[in-house]
Structure formats: structure tokens, C-alpha cells
PDB file of N, CA and C in Angstrom:
ATOM      1  N   UNK A   1     -73.023 -22.987  61.866  1.00  0.00           N
ATOM      2  CA  UNK A   1     -72.048 -22.661  60.991  1.00  0.00           C
ATOM      3  C   UNK A   1     -72.952 -22.133  59.854  1.00  0.00           C
ATOM      4  N   UNK A   2     -71.552 -21.399  58.942  1.00  0.00           N
ATOM      5  CA  UNK A   2     -72.149 -20.245  58.084  1.00  0.00           C
ATOM      6  C   UNK A   2     -71.782 -21.023  56.664  1.00  0.00           C
ATOM      7  N   UNK A   3     -72.565 -21.114  55.839  1.00  0.00           N
ATOM      8  CA  UNK A   3     -72.272 -21.591  54.417  1.00  0.00           C
ATOM      9  C   UNK A   3     -72.428 -20.659  53.735  1.00  0.00           C
ATOM     10  N   UNK A   4     -71.178 -21.017  52.797  1.00  0.00           N
ATOM     11  CA  UNK A   4     -71.150 -19.281  51.791  1.00  0.00           C
ATOM     12  C   UNK A   4     -71.715 -19.703  50.625  1.00  0.00           C
ATOM     13  N   UNK A   5     -71.951 -18.973  49.632  1.00  0.00           N
ATOM     14  CA  UNK A   5     -72.619 -19.175  48.352  1.00  0.00           C
ATOM     15  C   UNK A   5     -71.630 -20.117  47.655  1.00  0.00           C
ATOM     16  N   UNK A   6     -70.317 -20.159  47.563  1.00  0.00           N
ATOM     17  CA  UNK A   6     -69.613 -21.421  46.655  1.00  0.00           C
ATOM     18  C   UNK A   6     -69.952 -22.492  47.603  1.00  0.00           C
ATOM     19  N   UNK A   7     -70.101 -22.923  48.721  1.00  0.00           N
ATOM     20  CA  UNK A   7     -70.437 -24.119  49.159  1.00  0.00           C
ATOM     21  C   UNK A   7     -71.758 -24.667  48.683  1.00  0.00           C
ATOM     22  N   UNK A   8     -72.746 -23.597  49.009  1.00  0.00           N
ATOM     23  CA  UNK A   8     -73.901 -23.756  48.536  1.00  0.00           C
ATOM     24  C   UNK A   8     -74.284 -24.349  46.948  1.00  0.00           C
ATOM     25  N   UNK A   9     -73.663 -24.028  45.905  1.00  0.00           N
ATOM     26  CA  UNK A   9     -73.071 -23.726  44.412  1.00  0.00           C
ATOM     27  C   UNK A   9     -72.554 -25.741  44.529  1.00  0.00           C
ATOM     28  N   UNK A  10     -71.579 -26.035  45.376  1.00  0.00           N
ATOM     29  CA  UNK A  10     -70.948 -27.024  45.563  1.00  0.00           C
ATOM     30  C   UNK A  10     -71.355 -28.274  45.526  1.00  0.00           C
ATOM     31  N   UNK A  11     -72.922 -27.956  46.553  1.00  0.00           N
ATOM     32  CA  UNK A  11     -73.722 -29.141  47.230  1.00  0.00           C
ATOM     33  C   UNK A  11     -74.824 -29.368  46.355  1.00  0.00           C
ATOM     34  N   UNK A  12     -75.159 -27.922  45.820  1.00  0.00           N
ATOM     35  CA  UNK A  12     -76.300 -28.030  44.644  1.00  0.00           C
ATOM     36  C   UNK A  12     -75.828 -28.923  43.336  1.00  0.00           C
ATOM     37  N   UNK A  13     -74.525 -28.801  43.338  1.00  0.00           N
ATOM     38  CA  UNK A  13     -74.071 -29.459  41.762  1.00  0.00           C
ATOM     39  C   UNK A  13     -73.654 -31.261  42.087  1.00  0.00           C
ATOM     40  N   UNK A  14     -73.478 -31.118  43.534  1.00  0.00           N
ATOM     41  CA  UNK A  14     -73.681 -32.692  43.942  1.00  0.00           C
ATOM     42  C   UNK A  14     -74.634 -33.094  43.842  1.00  0.00           C
ATOM     43  N   UNK A  15     -75.779 -32.478  44.831  1.00  0.00           N
ATOM     44  CA  UNK A  15     -77.284 -33.364  44.391  1.00  0.00           C
ATOM     45  C   UNK A  15     -77.945 -33.222  43.202  1.00  0.00           C
ATOM     46  N   UNK A  16     -77.374 -32.534  41.984  1.00  0.00           N
ATOM     47  CA  UNK A  16     -77.970 -32.544  40.763  1.00  0.00           C
ATOM     48  C   UNK A  16     -77.036 -33.994  40.168  1.00  0.00           C
ATOM     49  N   UNK A  17     -75.839 -34.238  40.645  1.00  0.00           N
ATOM     50  CA  UNK A  17     -75.282 -35.297  39.778  1.00  0.00           C
ATOM     51  C   UNK A  17     -75.865 -36.652  40.258  1.00  0.00           C
ATOM     52  N   UNK A  18     -76.292 -36.321  41.843  1.00  0.00           N
ATOM     53  CA  UNK A  18     -76.232 -37.498  42.514  1.00  0.00           C
ATOM     54  C   UNK A  18     -77.758 -38.200  41.645  1.00  0.00           C
ATOM     55  N   UNK A  19     -78.850 -37.053  41.939  1.00  0.00           N
ATOM     56  CA  UNK A  19     -80.038 -37.174  40.979  1.00  0.00           C
ATOM     57  C   UNK A  19     -79.617 -38.245  39.397  1.00  0.00           C
ATOM     58  N   UNK A  20     -79.216 -37.584  39.152  1.00  0.00           N
ATOM     59  CA  UNK A  20     -79.210 -38.085  37.320  1.00  0.00           C
ATOM     60  C   UNK A  20     -78.238 -39.355  37.854  1.00  0.00           C
ATOM     61  N   UNK A  21     -77.443 -40.100  38.215  1.00  0.00           N
ATOM     62  CA  UNK A  21     -76.889 -41.009  38.646  1.00  0.00           C
ATOM     63  C   UNK A  21     -78.072 -41.935  39.267  1.00  0.00           C
ATOM     64  N   UNK A  22     -78.828 -41.390  40.048  1.00  0.00           N
ATOM     65  CA  UNK A  22     -79.670 -42.820  40.557  1.00  0.00           C
ATOM     66  C   UNK A  22     -80.936 -42.611  39.565  1.00  0.00           C
ATOM     67  N   UNK A  23     -81.185 -42.072  38.567  1.00  0.00           N
ATOM     68  CA  UNK A  23     -82.351 -42.278  37.550  1.00  0.00           C
ATOM     69  C   UNK A  23     -81.684 -43.195  36.661  1.00  0.00           C
ATOM     70  N   UNK A  24     -80.281 -43.616  36.466  1.00  0.00           N
ATOM     71  CA  UNK A  24     -79.711 -44.817  35.886  1.00  0.00           C
ATOM     72  C   UNK A  24     -79.797 -44.211  34.610  1.00  0.00           C
ATOM     73  N   UNK A  25     -79.892 -45.461  33.565  1.00  0.00           N
ATOM     74  CA  UNK A  25     -79.805 -45.428  32.222  1.00  0.00           C
ATOM     75  C   UNK A  25     -81.354 -44.602  31.562  1.00  0.00           C
ATOM     76  N   UNK A  26     -82.220 -44.352  31.962  1.00  0.00           N
ATOM     77  CA  UNK A  26     -83.411 -44.065  31.663  1.00  0.00           C
ATOM     78  C   UNK A  26     -83.142 -42.526  31.524  1.00  0.00           C
ATOM     79  N   UNK A  27     -82.156 -42.141  32.019  1.00  0.00           N
ATOM     80  CA  UNK A  27     -82.023 -40.432  31.974  1.00  0.00           C
ATOM     81  C   UNK A  27     -80.887 -40.417  30.447  1.00  0.00           C
ATOM     82  N   UNK A  28     -81.939 -39.311  29.669  1.00  0.00           N
ATOM     83  CA  UNK A  28     -80.769 -39.097  28.572  1.00  0.00           C
ATOM     84  C   UNK A  28     -80.075 -37.816  28.605  1.00  0.00           C
ATOM     85  N   UNK A  29     -79.140 -37.691  27.911  1.00  0.00           N
ATOM     86  CA  UNK A  29     -78.694 -36.123  28.027  1.00  0.00           C
ATOM     87  C   UNK A  29     -79.557 -35.218  26.887  1.00  0.00           C
ATOM     88  N   UNK A  30     -79.861 -34.049  27.352  1.00  0.00           N
ATOM     89  CA  UNK A  30     -80.525 -33.266  26.342  1.00  0.00           C
ATOM     90  C   UNK A  30     -79.499 -32.265  25.121  1.00  0.00           C
ATOM     91  N   UNK A  31     -79.924 -32.243  24.371  1.00  0.00           N
ATOM     92  CA  UNK A  31     -79.160 -31.578  23.369  1.00  0.00           C
ATOM     93  C   UNK A  31     -78.000 -32.627  22.061  1.00  0.00           C
ATOM     94  N   UNK A  32     -77.568 -32.311  21.218  1.00  0.00           N
ATOM     95  CA  UNK A  32     -77.090 -32.575  20.523  1.00  0.00           C
ATOM     96  C   UNK A  32     -75.596 -33.286  20.444  1.00  0.00           C
ATOM     97  N   UNK A  33     -75.312 -34.437  20.409  1.00  0.00           N
ATOM     98  CA  UNK A  33     -73.599 -34.833  20.488  1.00  0.00           C
ATOM     99  C   UNK A  33     -73.171 -35.513  19.615  1.00  0.00           C
ATOM    100  N   UNK A  34     -72.329 -34.964  18.946  1.00  0.00           N
ATOM    101  CA  UNK A  34     -71.403 -36.276  18.105  1.00  0.00           C
ATOM    102  C   UNK A  34     -70.669 -36.772  18.840  1.00  0.00           C
ATOM    103  N   UNK A  35     -70.437 -37.909  17.725  1.00  0.00           N
ATOM    104  CA  UNK A  35     -69.885 -39.383  18.523  1.00  0.00           C
ATOM    105  C   UNK A  35     -68.651 -39.219  17.782  1.00  0.00           C
ATOM    106  N   UNK A  36     -67.637 -39.573  18.928  1.00  0.00           N
ATOM    107  CA  UNK A  36     -65.929 -39.804  18.502  1.00  0.00           C
ATOM    108  C   UNK A  36     -65.435 -41.269  18.968  1.00  0.00           C
ATOM    109  N   UNK A  37     -64.946 -41.425  17.654  1.00  0.00           N
ATOM    110  CA  UNK A  37     -64.145 -42.718  17.890  1.00  0.00           C
ATOM    111  C   UNK A  37     -62.687 -42.781  18.026  1.00  0.00           C
ATOM    112  N   UNK A  38     -62.161 -43.667  19.173  1.00  0.00           N
ATOM    113  CA  UNK A  38     -60.384 -43.450  18.796  1.00  0.00           C
ATOM    114  C   UNK A  38     -60.065 -44.679  18.715  1.00  0.00           C
ATOM    115  N   UNK A  39     -59.346 -45.072  17.447  1.00  0.00           N
ATOM    116  CA  UNK A  39     -58.260 -46.456  16.885  1.00  0.00           C
ATOM    117  C   UNK A  39     -57.279 -46.196  17.924  1.00  0.00           C
ATOM    118  N   UNK A  40     -56.622 -46.809  18.575  1.00  0.00           N
ATOM    119  CA  UNK A  40     -55.330 -46.791  19.711  1.00  0.00           C
ATOM    120  C   UNK A  40     -54.675 -47.793  19.012  1.00  0.00           C
ATOM    121  N   UNK A  41     -55.115 -49.034  18.638  1.00  0.00           N
ATOM    122  CA  UNK A  41     -54.293 -50.188  17.951  1.00  0.00           C
ATOM    123  C   UNK A  41     -52.959 -49.481  16.963  1.00  0.00           C
ATOM    124  N   UNK A  42     -53.641 -48.699  16.191  1.00  0.00           N
ATOM    125  CA  UNK A  42     -52.623 -48.293  14.640  1.00  0.00           C
ATOM    126  C   UNK A  42     -51.760 -47.549  15.638  1.00  0.00           C
ATOM    127  N   UNK A  43     -52.223 -46.595  16.515  1.00  0.00           N
ATOM    128  CA  UNK A  43     -51.217 -45.420  17.393  1.00  0.00           C
ATOM    129  C   UNK A  43     -50.100 -46.631  18.088  1.00  0.00           C
ATOM    130  N   UNK A  44     -50.557 -47.740  19.073  1.00  0.00           N
ATOM    131  CA  UNK A  44     -49.777 -48.534  19.959  1.00  0.00           C
ATOM    132  C   UNK A  44     -48.437 -49.106  18.616  1.00  0.00           C
ATOM    133  N   UNK A  45     -49.139 -49.891  17.752  1.00  0.00           N
ATOM    134  CA  UNK A  45     -48.339 -50.359  16.779  1.00  0.00           C
ATOM    135  C   UNK A  45     -47.439 -49.938  16.051  1.00  0.00           C
ATOM    136  N   UNK A  46     -47.476 -48.205  15.751  1.00  0.00           N
ATOM    137  CA  UNK A  46     -46.611 -47.331  15.499  1.00  0.00           C
ATOM    138  C   UNK A  46     -45.683 -47.030  16.012  1.00  0.00           C
ATOM    139  N   UNK A  47     -46.052 -47.087  17.498  1.00  0.00           N
ATOM    140  CA  UNK A  47     -44.786 -46.562  18.525  1.00  0.00           C
ATOM    141  C   UNK A  47     -43.924 -47.375  19.053  1.00  0.00           C
ATOM    142  N   UNK A  48     -44.706 -48.640  18.638  1.00  0.00           N
ATOM    143  CA  UNK A  48     -44.069 -50.227  18.775  1.00  0.00           C
ATOM    144  C   UNK A  48     -42.818 -49.950  17.885  1.00  0.00           C
ATOM    145  N   UNK A  49     -43.036 -49.949  16.181  1.00  0.00           N
ATOM    146  CA  UNK A  49     -42.284 -49.935  15.562  1.00  0.00           C
ATOM    147  C   UNK A  49     -40.942 -49.182  15.504  1.00  0.00           C
ATOM    148  N   UNK A  50     -41.332 -47.962  16.082  1.00  0.00           N
ATOM    149  CA  UNK A  50     -40.479 -47.201  16.300  1.00  0.00           C
ATOM    150  C   UNK A  50     -39.499 -47.456  17.036  1.00  0.00           C
ATOM    151  N   UNK A  51     -39.911 -47.671  17.999  1.00  0.00           N
ATOM    152  CA  UNK A  51     -38.829 -48.301  19.418  1.00  0.00           C
ATOM    153  C   UNK A  51     -38.125 -49.172  18.864  1.00  0.00           C
ATOM    154  N   UNK A  52     -39.033 -50.322  18.349  1.00  0.00           N
ATOM    155  CA  UNK A  52     -38.184 -51.519  17.723  1.00  0.00           C
ATOM    156  C   UNK A  52     -36.737 -51.187  16.860  1.00  0.00           C
ATOM    157  N   UNK A  53     -37.250 -50.221  16.019  1.00  0.00           N
ATOM    158  CA  UNK A  53     -36.256 -49.348  14.900  1.00  0.00           C
ATOM    159  C   UNK A  53     -34.906 -48.760  15.586  1.00  0.00           C
ATOM    160  N   UNK A  54     -35.635 -48.053  16.727  1.00  0.00           N
ATOM    161  CA  UNK A  54     -34.333 -47.337  17.436  1.00  0.00           C
ATOM    162  C   UNK A  54     -33.373 -48.234  18.210  1.00  0.00           C
ATOM    163  N   UNK A  55     -34.552 -49.218  18.884  1.00  0.00           N
ATOM    164  CA  UNK A  55     -33.240 -50.315  19.263  1.00  0.00           C
ATOM    165  C   UNK A  55     -32.349 -51.029  18.469  1.00  0.00           C
ATOM    166  N   UNK A  56     -33.010 -51.178  17.571  1.00  0.00           N
ATOM    167  CA  UNK A  56     -31.844 -51.991  16.429  1.00  0.00           C
ATOM    168  C   UNK A  56     -30.486 -51.295  15.842  1.00  0.00           C
ATOM    169  N   UNK A  57     -31.215 -49.899  15.799  1.00  0.00           N
ATOM    170  CA  UNK A  57     -30.518 -49.139  15.387  1.00  0.00           C
ATOM    171  C   UNK A  57     -29.080 -48.766  16.475  1.00  0.00           C
ATOM    172  N   UNK A  58     -29.579 -48.899  17.405  1.00  0.00           N
ATOM    173  CA  UNK A  58     -28.240 -48.836  18.586  1.00  0.00           C
ATOM    174  C   UNK A  58     -28.052 -49.651  18.602  1.00  0.00           C
ATOM    175  N   UNK A  59     -28.490 -51.229  18.621  1.00  0.00           N
ATOM    176  CA  UNK A  59     -27.759 -52.245  18.628  1.00  0.00           C
ATOM    177  C   UNK A  59     -26.548 -52.372  17.699  1.00  0.00           C
ATOM    178  N   UNK A  60     -26.851 -52.351  16.496  1.00  0.00           N
ATOM    179  CA  UNK A  60     -26.034 -51.783  15.666  1.00  0.00           C
ATOM    180  C   UNK A  60     -24.525 -50.937  15.723  1.00  0.00           C
ATOM    181  N   UNK A  61     -24.864 -49.840  16.142  1.00  0.00           N
ATOM    182  CA  UNK A  61     -23.930 -49.010  16.144  1.00  0.00           C
ATOM    183  C   UNK A  61     -23.077 -49.155  17.306  1.00  0.00           C
ATOM    184  N   UNK A  62     -23.233 -49.847  18.106  1.00  0.00           N
ATOM    185  CA  UNK A  62     -23.254 -50.959  19.419  1.00  0.00           C
ATOM    186  C   UNK A  62     -21.976 -51.336  18.980  1.00  0.00           C
ATOM    187  N   UNK A  63     -22.413 -52.557  18.384  1.00  0.00           N
ATOM    188  CA  UNK A  63     -21.913 -54.036  17.613  1.00  0.00           C
ATOM    189  C   UNK A  63     -20.603 -53.400  16.852  1.00  0.00           C
ATOM    190  N   UNK A  64     -20.742 -52.328  15.569  1.00  0.00           N
ATOM    191  CA  UNK A  64     -19.645 -51.540  14.832  1.00  0.00           C
ATOM    192  C   UNK A  64     -18.972 -50.872  15.903  1.00  0.00           C
ATOM    193  N   UNK A  65     -19.095 -50.023  17.151  1.00  0.00           N
ATOM    194  CA  UNK A  65     -17.907 -49.727  18.195  1.00  0.00           C
ATOM    195  C   UNK A  65     -16.991 -50.604  18.516  1.00  0.00           C
ATOM    196  N   UNK A  66     -17.403 -51.802  18.824  1.00  0.00           N
ATOM    197  CA  UNK A  66     -17.288 -52.985  19.825  1.00  0.00           C
ATOM    198  C   UNK A  66     -16.033 -53.808  18.312  1.00  0.00           C
ATOM    199  N   UNK A  67     -16.301 -53.730  17.225  1.00  0.00           N
ATOM    200  CA  UNK A  67     -15.610 -54.363  16.193  1.00  0.00           C
ATOM    201  C   UNK A  67     -14.739 -53.302  16.105  1.00  0.00           C
ATOM    202  N   UNK A  68     -15.012 -51.807  15.616  1.00  0.00           N
ATOM    203  CA  UNK A  68     -13.859 -51.175  15.624  1.00  0.00           C
ATOM    204  C   UNK A  68     -12.524 -51.408  16.553  1.00  0.00           C
ATOM    205  N   UNK A  69     -13.211 -51.050  17.745  1.00  0.00           N
ATOM    206  CA  UNK A  69     -12.405 -51.682  18.959  1.00  0.00           C
ATOM    207  C   UNK A  69     -11.217 -52.984  18.608  1.00  0.00           C
ATOM    208  N   UNK A  70     -11.815 -53.961  18.351  1.00  0.00           N
ATOM    209  CA  UNK A  70     -11.040 -55.042  18.359  1.00  0.00           C
ATOM    210  C   UNK A  70     -10.624 -54.735  17.260  1.00  0.00           C
ATOM    211  N   UNK A  71     -10.858 -54.597  16.038  1.00  0.00           N
ATOM    212  CA  UNK A  71      -9.681 -54.424  14.459  1.00  0.00           C
ATOM    213  C   UNK A  71      -9.195 -52.940  14.726  1.00  0.00           C
ATOM    214  N   UNK A  72      -8.735 -52.115  15.478  1.00  0.00           N
ATOM    215  CA  UNK A  72      -8.222 -51.167  15.385  1.00  0.00           C
ATOM    216  C   UNK A  72      -6.947 -51.646  15.200  1.00  0.00           C
ATOM    217  N   UNK A  73      -6.315 -50.921  14.520  1.00  0.00           N
ATOM    218  CA  UNK A  73      -4.696 -51.111  14.264  1.00  0.00           C
ATOM    219  C   UNK A  73      -4.185 -52.327  13.284  1.00  0.00           C
ATOM    220  N   UNK A  74      -2.987 -53.234  13.766  1.00  0.00           N
ATOM    221  CA  UNK A  74      -2.734 -53.970  13.603  1.00  0.00           C
ATOM    222  C   UNK A  74      -3.573 -55.542  14.071  1.00  0.00           C
ATOM    223  N   UNK A  75      -4.555 -55.460  14.801  1.00  0.00           N
ATOM    224  CA  UNK A  75      -4.823 -56.418  15.712  1.00  0.00           C
ATOM    225  C   UNK A  75      -6.394 -57.130  14.848  1.00  0.00           C
ATOM    226  N   UNK A  76      -5.863 -56.943  13.368  1.00  0.00           N
ATOM    227  CA  UNK A  76      -7.218 -57.667  12.694  1.00  0.00           C
ATOM    228  C   UNK A  76      -6.518 -58.864  12.590  1.00  0.00           C
ATOM    229  N   UNK A  77      -7.633 -59.744  12.924  1.00  0.00           N
ATOM    230  CA  UNK A  77      -7.199 -61.664  12.704  1.00  0.00           C
ATOM    231  C   UNK A  77      -6.835 -61.992  11.482  1.00  0.00           C
ATOM    232  N   UNK A  78      -7.478 -61.571  10.714  1.00  0.00           N
ATOM    233  CA  UNK A  78      -7.723 -61.765   9.004  1.00  0.00           C
ATOM    234  C   UNK A  78      -6.734 -60.991   8.690  1.00  0.00           C
ATOM    235  N   UNK A  79      -5.889 -61.581   7.583  1.00  0.00           N
ATOM    236  CA  UNK A  79      -5.010 -60.661   6.590  1.00  0.00           C
ATOM    237  C   UNK A  79      -5.648 -60.214   5.833  1.00  0.00           C
ATOM    238  N   UNK A  80      -5.082 -58.970   5.100  1.00  0.00           N
ATOM    239  CA  UNK A  80      -5.690 -58.170   3.755  1.00  0.00           C
ATOM    240  C   UNK A  80      -5.463 -59.386   2.659  1.00  0.00           C
ATOM    241  N   UNK A  81      -4.440 -60.244   2.466  1.00  0.00           N
ATOM    242  CA  UNK A  81      -4.801 -61.472   1.309  1.00  0.00           C
ATOM    243  C   UNK A  81      -5.892 -62.060   1.228  1.00  0.00           C
ATOM    244  N   UNK A  82      -6.084 -62.875   2.504  1.00  0.00           N
ATOM    245  CA  UNK A  82      -7.254 -63.422   2.955  1.00  0.00           C
ATOM    246  C   UNK A  82      -8.853 -63.018   2.595  1.00  0.00           C
ATOM    247  N   UNK A  83      -8.980 -61.771   2.882  1.00  0.00           N
ATOM    248  CA  UNK A  83      -9.645 -60.831   2.675  1.00  0.00           C
ATOM    249  C   UNK A  83     -10.205 -60.702   1.429  1.00  0.00           C
ATOM    250  N   UNK A  84      -8.870 -59.764   0.319  1.00  0.00           N
ATOM    251  CA  UNK A  84      -9.298 -59.952  -0.930  1.00  0.00           C
ATOM    252  C   UNK A  84      -9.321 -61.363  -1.550  1.00  0.00           C
ATOM    253  N   UNK A  85      -9.093 -62.422  -1.022  1.00  0.00           N
ATOM    254  CA  UNK A  85      -9.155 -63.755  -1.802  1.00  0.00           C
ATOM    255  C   UNK A  85     -10.937 -64.305  -1.611  1.00  0.00           C
ATOM    256  N   UNK A  86     -11.395 -63.811  -0.247  1.00  0.00           N
ATOM    257  CA  UNK A  86     -12.929 -63.917   0.000  1.00  0.00           C
ATOM    258  C   UNK A  86     -13.826 -62.971  -0.887  1.00  0.00           C
ATOM    259  N   UNK A  87     -13.372 -61.876  -1.215  1.00  0.00           N
ATOM    260  CA  UNK A  87     -14.046 -60.700  -2.068  1.00  0.00           C
ATOM    261  C   UNK A  87     -13.946 -61.384  -3.175  1.00  0.00           C
ATOM    262  N   UNK A  88     -12.514 -61.843  -3.929  1.00  0.00           N
ATOM    263  CA  UNK A  88     -12.767 -62.268  -5.319  1.00  0.00           C
ATOM    264  C   UNK A  88     -13.295 -63.380  -5.798  1.00  0.00           C
ATOM    265  N   UNK A  89     -13.578 -64.485  -3.922  1.00  0.00           N
ATOM    266  CA  UNK A  89     -14.060 -65.491  -4.688  1.00  0.00           C
ATOM    267  C   UNK A  89     -13.398 -66.549  -4.848  1.00  0.00           C
ATOM    268  N   UNK A  90     -12.098 -66.845  -4.282  1.00  0.00           N
ATOM    269  CA  UNK A  90     -11.101 -67.420  -4.848  1.00  0.00           C
ATOM    270  C   UNK A  90     -10.625 -68.304  -3.743  1.00  0.00           C
TER     271      UNK A  90
END
């Protein structure tokens, strides 16, 4: 079986990674590294608030549409006089 150059590079890379992992925590990377911290809590809360507000808006639109259908034309169960009296506080 003939091993070509690509396969040899893959095997060498695997052996290097294997040696690094077996060295344990005592092996430290060489060079300078920046540290990065991520705070996903704020992003998650923002996404939840956005979803909740969209659902509330959709629910209100559905309720308004339902009421419009129920009260369309002359099918309003409350007379105009009763509505006027309620607005005026009588």
C-alpha cells in the first residue's frame, strides 16, 4: 500500500495532536494569546423580550380582527346611546 504525501501530512498532524493531548495540562501553548469572554445572557434576554413582544402584538391583532368580525355592521350588542352614556360617565 502506498501512502501519498497528503496522507503522511495527516498522520503527522494526528501524531502531533495526540502528543499534545497526552502531555496533559502541563503543556502550554507558545506565543501570545488574547482572551475573549462572551456574555450570552444579555443576548438571550433580548431575544426573549423580542419574541414576547411580537407574540403579544400578534395576539392583539388577532383579537382586534375577531372583534371587528363580531361587531361588523348592525350586529353590535351595545347601542350607540349606551356607549355615549358610558363615555360621558352618566
